[in-house]
Amino acid sequence: MREKIEWLLKSDIKGTTIEKNTGVSRAVISKLRKEQRDIGGLTLDTCEKLYNYVIALEQKK
């Protein structure tokens, strides 16, 4: 799960797009991208939202 979320955060997908599709705020996404917040400190709910978005993107390929 962590690897998929890291991939998403390192991708070129805009924070607003991730927010729109996951419900995770841009502020959280921005802090994760700037390494001001660690993935390990996220709630399970937030991790699931980000992970499920990556899975949905992979299925569209």
PDB file of N, CA and C in Angstrom:
ATOM      1  N   MET A   1       0.832  -1.189   0.000  1.00  0.00           N
ATOM      2  CA  MET A   1       0.000   0.000   0.000  1.00  0.00           C
ATOM      3  C   MET A   1       0.876   1.254   0.000  1.00  0.00           C
ATOM      4  N   ARG A   2       1.910   1.242   0.837  1.00  0.00           N
ATOM      5  CA  ARG A   2       2.789   2.407   0.944  1.00  0.00           C
ATOM      6  C   ARG A   2       3.434   2.752  -0.405  1.00  0.00           C
ATOM      7  N   GLU A   3       3.883   1.717  -1.113  1.00  0.00           N
ATOM      8  CA  GLU A   3       4.550   1.950  -2.398  1.00  0.00           C
ATOM      9  C   GLU A   3       3.611   2.615  -3.402  1.00  0.00           C
ATOM     10  N   LYS A   4       2.367   2.186  -3.405  1.00  0.00           N
ATOM     11  CA  LYS A   4       1.384   2.756  -4.335  1.00  0.00           C
ATOM     12  C   LYS A   4       1.116   4.218  -3.996  1.00  0.00           C
ATOM     13  N   ILE A   5       0.999   4.519  -2.712  1.00  0.00           N
ATOM     14  CA  ILE A   5       0.750   5.896  -2.289  1.00  0.00           C
ATOM     15  C   ILE A   5       1.963   6.765  -2.614  1.00  0.00           C
ATOM     16  N   GLU A   6       3.164   6.238  -2.383  1.00  0.00           N
ATOM     17  CA  GLU A   6       4.379   6.988  -2.721  1.00  0.00           C
ATOM     18  C   GLU A   6       4.427   7.277  -4.216  1.00  0.00           C
ATOM     19  N   TRP A   7       4.055   6.292  -5.031  1.00  0.00           N
ATOM     20  CA  TRP A   7       4.031   6.498  -6.480  1.00  0.00           C
ATOM     21  C   TRP A   7       3.086   7.651  -6.830  1.00  0.00           C
ATOM     22  N   LEU A   8       1.909   7.646  -6.224  1.00  0.00           N
ATOM     23  CA  LEU A   8       0.917   8.689  -6.488  1.00  0.00           C
ATOM     24  C   LEU A   8       1.463  10.061  -6.124  1.00  0.00           C
ATOM     25  N   LEU A   9       2.096  10.157  -4.967  1.00  0.00           N
ATOM     26  CA  LEU A   9       2.613  11.444  -4.504  1.00  0.00           C
ATOM     27  C   LEU A   9       3.766  11.947  -5.368  1.00  0.00           C
ATOM     28  N   LYS A  10       4.527  11.033  -5.965  1.00  0.00           N
ATOM     29  CA  LYS A  10       5.652  11.420  -6.824  1.00  0.00           C
ATOM     30  C   LYS A  10       5.224  11.633  -8.277  1.00  0.00           C
ATOM     31  N   SER A  11       3.988  11.313  -8.575  1.00  0.00           N
ATOM     32  CA  SER A  11       3.499  11.431  -9.952  1.00  0.00           C
ATOM     33  C   SER A  11       3.247  12.895 -10.321  1.00  0.00           C
ATOM     34  N   ASP A  12       2.950  13.108 -11.594  1.00  0.00           N
ATOM     35  CA  ASP A  12       2.640  14.449 -12.094  1.00  0.00           C
ATOM     36  C   ASP A  12       1.170  14.808 -11.923  1.00  0.00           C
ATOM     37  N   ILE A  13       0.414  13.965 -11.277  1.00  0.00           N
ATOM     38  CA  ILE A  13      -1.015  14.226 -11.072  1.00  0.00           C
ATOM     39  C   ILE A  13      -1.162  15.392 -10.103  1.00  0.00           C
ATOM     40  N   LYS A  14      -1.941  16.380 -10.500  1.00  0.00           N
ATOM     41  CA  LYS A  14      -2.104  17.580  -9.682  1.00  0.00           C
ATOM     42  C   LYS A  14      -2.810  17.263  -8.369  1.00  0.00           C
ATOM     43  N   GLY A  15      -2.437  18.012  -7.344  1.00  0.00           N
ATOM     44  CA  GLY A  15      -3.058  17.849  -6.034  1.00  0.00           C
ATOM     45  C   GLY A  15      -4.558  18.042  -6.077  1.00  0.00           C
ATOM     46  N   THR A  16      -5.007  18.981  -6.905  1.00  0.00           N
ATOM     47  CA  THR A  16      -6.451  19.226  -7.007  1.00  0.00           C
ATOM     48  C   THR A  16      -7.172  18.020  -7.603  1.00  0.00           C
ATOM     49  N   THR A  17      -6.524  17.347  -8.534  1.00  0.00           N
ATOM     50  CA  THR A  17      -7.112  16.151  -9.142  1.00  0.00           C
ATOM     51  C   THR A  17      -7.197  15.023  -8.122  1.00  0.00           C
ATOM     52  N   ILE A  18      -6.131  14.855  -7.352  1.00  0.00           N
ATOM     53  CA  ILE A  18      -6.135  13.823  -6.310  1.00  0.00           C
ATOM     54  C   ILE A  18      -7.215  14.139  -5.289  1.00  0.00           C
ATOM     55  N   GLU A  19      -7.305  15.403  -4.885  1.00  0.00           N
ATOM     56  CA  GLU A  19      -8.322  15.809  -3.915  1.00  0.00           C
ATOM     57  C   GLU A  19      -9.727  15.515  -4.435  1.00  0.00           C
ATOM     58  N   LYS A  20      -9.967  15.882  -5.680  1.00  0.00           N
ATOM     59  CA  LYS A  20     -11.292  15.697  -6.280  1.00  0.00           C
ATOM     60  C   LYS A  20     -11.693  14.220  -6.317  1.00  0.00           C
ATOM     61  N   ASN A  21     -10.730  13.362  -6.596  1.00  0.00           N
ATOM     62  CA  ASN A  21     -11.028  11.941  -6.764  1.00  0.00           C
ATOM     63  C   ASN A  21     -10.942  11.111  -5.488  1.00  0.00           C
ATOM     64  N   THR A  22     -10.349  11.678  -4.437  1.00  0.00           N
ATOM     65  CA  THR A  22     -10.180  10.906  -3.202  1.00  0.00           C
ATOM     66  C   THR A  22     -10.871  11.523  -1.994  1.00  0.00           C
ATOM     67  N   GLY A  23     -11.066  12.829  -2.024  1.00  0.00           N
ATOM     68  CA  GLY A  23     -11.608  13.501  -0.851  1.00  0.00           C
ATOM     69  C   GLY A  23     -10.538  13.875   0.160  1.00  0.00           C
ATOM     70  N   VAL A  24      -9.278  13.566  -0.142  1.00  0.00           N
ATOM     71  CA  VAL A  24      -8.161  13.940   0.730  1.00  0.00           C
ATOM     72  C   VAL A  24      -7.780  15.379   0.396  1.00  0.00           C
ATOM     73  N   SER A  25      -7.666  16.214   1.402  1.00  0.00           N
ATOM     74  CA  SER A  25      -7.438  17.642   1.169  1.00  0.00           C
ATOM     75  C   SER A  25      -6.097  17.910   0.489  1.00  0.00           C
ATOM     76  N   ARG A  26      -6.072  19.007  -0.266  1.00  0.00           N
ATOM     77  CA  ARG A  26      -4.838  19.430  -0.932  1.00  0.00           C
ATOM     78  C   ARG A  26      -3.748  19.724   0.086  1.00  0.00           C
ATOM     79  N   ALA A  27      -4.139  20.219   1.255  1.00  0.00           N
ATOM     80  CA  ALA A  27      -3.156  20.528   2.301  1.00  0.00           C
ATOM     81  C   ALA A  27      -2.414  19.262   2.733  1.00  0.00           C
ATOM     82  N   VAL A  28      -3.151  18.188   2.929  1.00  0.00           N
ATOM     83  CA  VAL A  28      -2.528  16.914   3.321  1.00  0.00           C
ATOM     84  C   VAL A  28      -1.642  16.407   2.192  1.00  0.00           C
ATOM     85  N   ILE A  29      -2.138  16.454   0.973  1.00  0.00           N
ATOM     86  CA  ILE A  29      -1.373  15.993  -0.187  1.00  0.00           C
ATOM     87  C   ILE A  29      -0.089  16.803  -0.323  1.00  0.00           C
ATOM     88  N   SER A  30      -0.193  18.109  -0.172  1.00  0.00           N
ATOM     89  CA  SER A  30       0.970  18.990  -0.271  1.00  0.00           C
ATOM     90  C   SER A  30       2.005  18.670   0.805  1.00  0.00           C
ATOM     91  N   LYS A  31       1.562  18.475   2.037  1.00  0.00           N
ATOM     92  CA  LYS A  31       2.491  18.152   3.130  1.00  0.00           C
ATOM     93  C   LYS A  31       3.176  16.811   2.897  1.00  0.00           C
ATOM     94  N   LEU A  32       2.444  15.856   2.359  1.00  0.00           N
ATOM     95  CA  LEU A  32       3.041  14.560   2.046  1.00  0.00           C
ATOM     96  C   LEU A  32       4.083  14.706   0.942  1.00  0.00           C
ATOM     97  N   ARG A  33       3.770  15.484  -0.067  1.00  0.00           N
ATOM     98  CA  ARG A  33       4.701  15.673  -1.181  1.00  0.00           C
ATOM     99  C   ARG A  33       5.958  16.411  -0.748  1.00  0.00           C
ATOM    100  N   LYS A  34       5.824  17.333   0.181  1.00  0.00           N
ATOM    101  CA  LYS A  34       6.971  18.101   0.683  1.00  0.00           C
ATOM    102  C   LYS A  34       7.687  17.381   1.819  1.00  0.00           C
ATOM    103  N   GLU A  35       7.225  16.173   2.132  1.00  0.00           N
ATOM    104  CA  GLU A  35       7.771  15.347   3.206  1.00  0.00           C
ATOM    105  C   GLU A  35       7.695  16.039   4.562  1.00  0.00           C
ATOM    106  N   GLN A  36       6.671  16.878   4.733  1.00  0.00           N
ATOM    107  CA  GLN A  36       6.412  17.513   6.024  1.00  0.00           C
ATOM    108  C   GLN A  36       5.499  16.623   6.869  1.00  0.00           C
ATOM    109  N   ARG A  37       4.976  15.603   6.238  1.00  0.00           N
ATOM    110  CA  ARG A  37       4.108  14.636   6.917  1.00  0.00           C
ATOM    111  C   ARG A  37       4.436  13.261   6.354  1.00  0.00           C
ATOM    112  N   ASP A  38       4.417  12.252   7.208  1.00  0.00           N
ATOM    113  CA  ASP A  38       4.780  10.900   6.806  1.00  0.00           C
ATOM    114  C   ASP A  38       3.531  10.068   6.509  1.00  0.00           C
ATOM    115  N   ILE A  39       3.629   9.220   5.522  1.00  0.00           N
ATOM    116  CA  ILE A  39       2.515   8.338   5.166  1.00  0.00           C
ATOM    117  C   ILE A  39       2.098   7.499   6.377  1.00  0.00           C
ATOM    118  N   GLY A  40       3.060   7.093   7.179  1.00  0.00           N
ATOM    119  CA  GLY A  40       2.775   6.283   8.356  1.00  0.00           C
ATOM    120  C   GLY A  40       1.905   6.982   9.385  1.00  0.00           C
ATOM    121  N   GLY A  41       1.832   8.308   9.311  1.00  0.00           N
ATOM    122  CA  GLY A  41       1.022   9.067  10.249  1.00  0.00           C
ATOM    123  C   GLY A  41      -0.399   9.310   9.777  1.00  0.00           C
ATOM    124  N   LEU A  42      -0.729   8.811   8.589  1.00  0.00           N
ATOM    125  CA  LEU A  42      -2.080   8.991   8.055  1.00  0.00           C
ATOM    126  C   LEU A  42      -3.044   8.003   8.699  1.00  0.00           C
ATOM    127  N   THR A  43      -4.301   8.360   8.705  1.00  0.00           N
ATOM    128  CA  THR A  43      -5.308   7.410   9.177  1.00  0.00           C
ATOM    129  C   THR A  43      -5.468   6.308   8.132  1.00  0.00           C
ATOM    130  N   LEU A  44      -5.967   5.180   8.561  1.00  0.00           N
ATOM    131  CA  LEU A  44      -6.215   4.082   7.635  1.00  0.00           C
ATOM    132  C   LEU A  44      -7.205   4.511   6.563  1.00  0.00           C
ATOM    133  N   ASP A  45      -8.187   5.303   6.945  1.00  0.00           N
ATOM    134  CA  ASP A  45      -9.198   5.794   6.007  1.00  0.00           C
ATOM    135  C   ASP A  45      -8.547   6.600   4.883  1.00  0.00           C
ATOM    136  N   THR A  46      -7.635   7.496   5.234  1.00  0.00           N
ATOM    137  CA  THR A  46      -6.947   8.319   4.233  1.00  0.00           C
ATOM    138  C   THR A  46      -6.070   7.452   3.339  1.00  0.00           C
ATOM    139  N   CYS A  47      -5.353   6.512   3.925  1.00  0.00           N
ATOM    140  CA  CYS A  47      -4.514   5.605   3.130  1.00  0.00           C
ATOM    141  C   CYS A  47      -5.354   4.810   2.138  1.00  0.00           C
ATOM    142  N   GLU A  48      -6.499   4.327   2.591  1.00  0.00           N
ATOM    143  CA  GLU A  48      -7.375   3.554   1.705  1.00  0.00           C
ATOM    144  C   GLU A  48      -7.870   4.402   0.545  1.00  0.00           C
ATOM    145  N   LYS A  49      -8.207   5.654   0.801  1.00  0.00           N
ATOM    146  CA  LYS A  49      -8.679   6.540  -0.268  1.00  0.00           C
ATOM    147  C   LYS A  49      -7.598   6.741  -1.318  1.00  0.00           C
ATOM    148  N   LEU A  50      -6.377   7.002  -0.889  1.00  0.00           N
ATOM    149  CA  LEU A  50      -5.275   7.216  -1.827  1.00  0.00           C
ATOM    150  C   LEU A  50      -4.938   5.920  -2.568  1.00  0.00           C
ATOM    151  N   TYR A  51      -4.893   4.820  -1.850  1.00  0.00           N
ATOM    152  CA  TYR A  51      -4.587   3.520  -2.445  1.00  0.00           C
ATOM    153  C   TYR A  51      -5.638   3.127  -3.481  1.00  0.00           C
ATOM    154  N   ASN A  52      -6.890   3.271  -3.132  1.00  0.00           N
ATOM    155  CA  ASN A  52      -7.967   2.912  -4.059  1.00  0.00           C
ATOM    156  C   ASN A  52      -7.940   3.770  -5.317  1.00  0.00           C
ATOM    157  N   TYR A  53      -7.513   5.014  -5.194  1.00  0.00           N
ATOM    158  CA  TYR A  53      -7.391   5.885  -6.364  1.00  0.00           C
ATOM    159  C   TYR A  53      -6.289   5.366  -7.293  1.00  0.00           C
ATOM    160  N   VAL A  54      -5.169   4.958  -6.725  1.00  0.00           N
ATOM    161  CA  VAL A  54      -4.086   4.402  -7.544  1.00  0.00           C
ATOM    162  C   VAL A  54      -4.563   3.140  -8.262  1.00  0.00           C
ATOM    163  N   ILE A  55      -5.264   2.279  -7.561  1.00  0.00           N
ATOM    164  CA  ILE A  55      -5.780   1.046  -8.168  1.00  0.00           C
ATOM    165  C   ILE A  55      -6.724   1.384  -9.319  1.00  0.00           C
ATOM    166  N   ALA A  56      -7.580   2.374  -9.129  1.00  0.00           N
ATOM    167  CA  ALA A  56      -8.505   2.792 -10.191  1.00  0.00           C
ATOM    168  C   ALA A  56      -7.734   3.311 -11.399  1.00  0.00           C
ATOM    169  N   LEU A  57      -6.664   4.058 -11.165  1.00  0.00           N
ATOM    170  CA  LEU A  57      -5.840   4.562 -12.265  1.00  0.00           C
ATOM    171  C   LEU A  57      -5.179   3.409 -13.015  1.00  0.00           C
ATOM    172  N   GLU A  58      -4.696   2.424 -12.282  1.00  0.00           N
ATOM    173  CA  GLU A  58      -4.046   1.274 -12.913  1.00  0.00           C
ATOM    174  C   GLU A  58      -5.028   0.472 -13.759  1.00  0.00           C
ATOM    175  N   GLN A  59      -6.261   0.386 -13.325  1.00  0.00           N
ATOM    176  CA  GLN A  59      -7.262  -0.378 -14.067  1.00  0.00           C
ATOM    177  C   GLN A  59      -7.684   0.328 -15.347  1.00  0.00           C
ATOM    178  N   LYS A  60      -7.508   1.646 -15.396  1.00  0.00           N
ATOM    179  CA  LYS A  60      -7.860   2.407 -16.601  1.00  0.00           C
ATOM    180  C   LYS A  60      -6.833   2.232 -17.706  1.00  0.00           C
ATOM    181  N   LYS A  61      -5.622   1.795 -17.346  1.00  0.00           N
ATOM    182  CA  LYS A  61      -4.542   1.670 -18.336  1.00  0.00           C
ATOM    183  C   LYS A  61      -4.825   0.586 -19.325  1.00  0.00           C
TER     184      LYS A  61
END
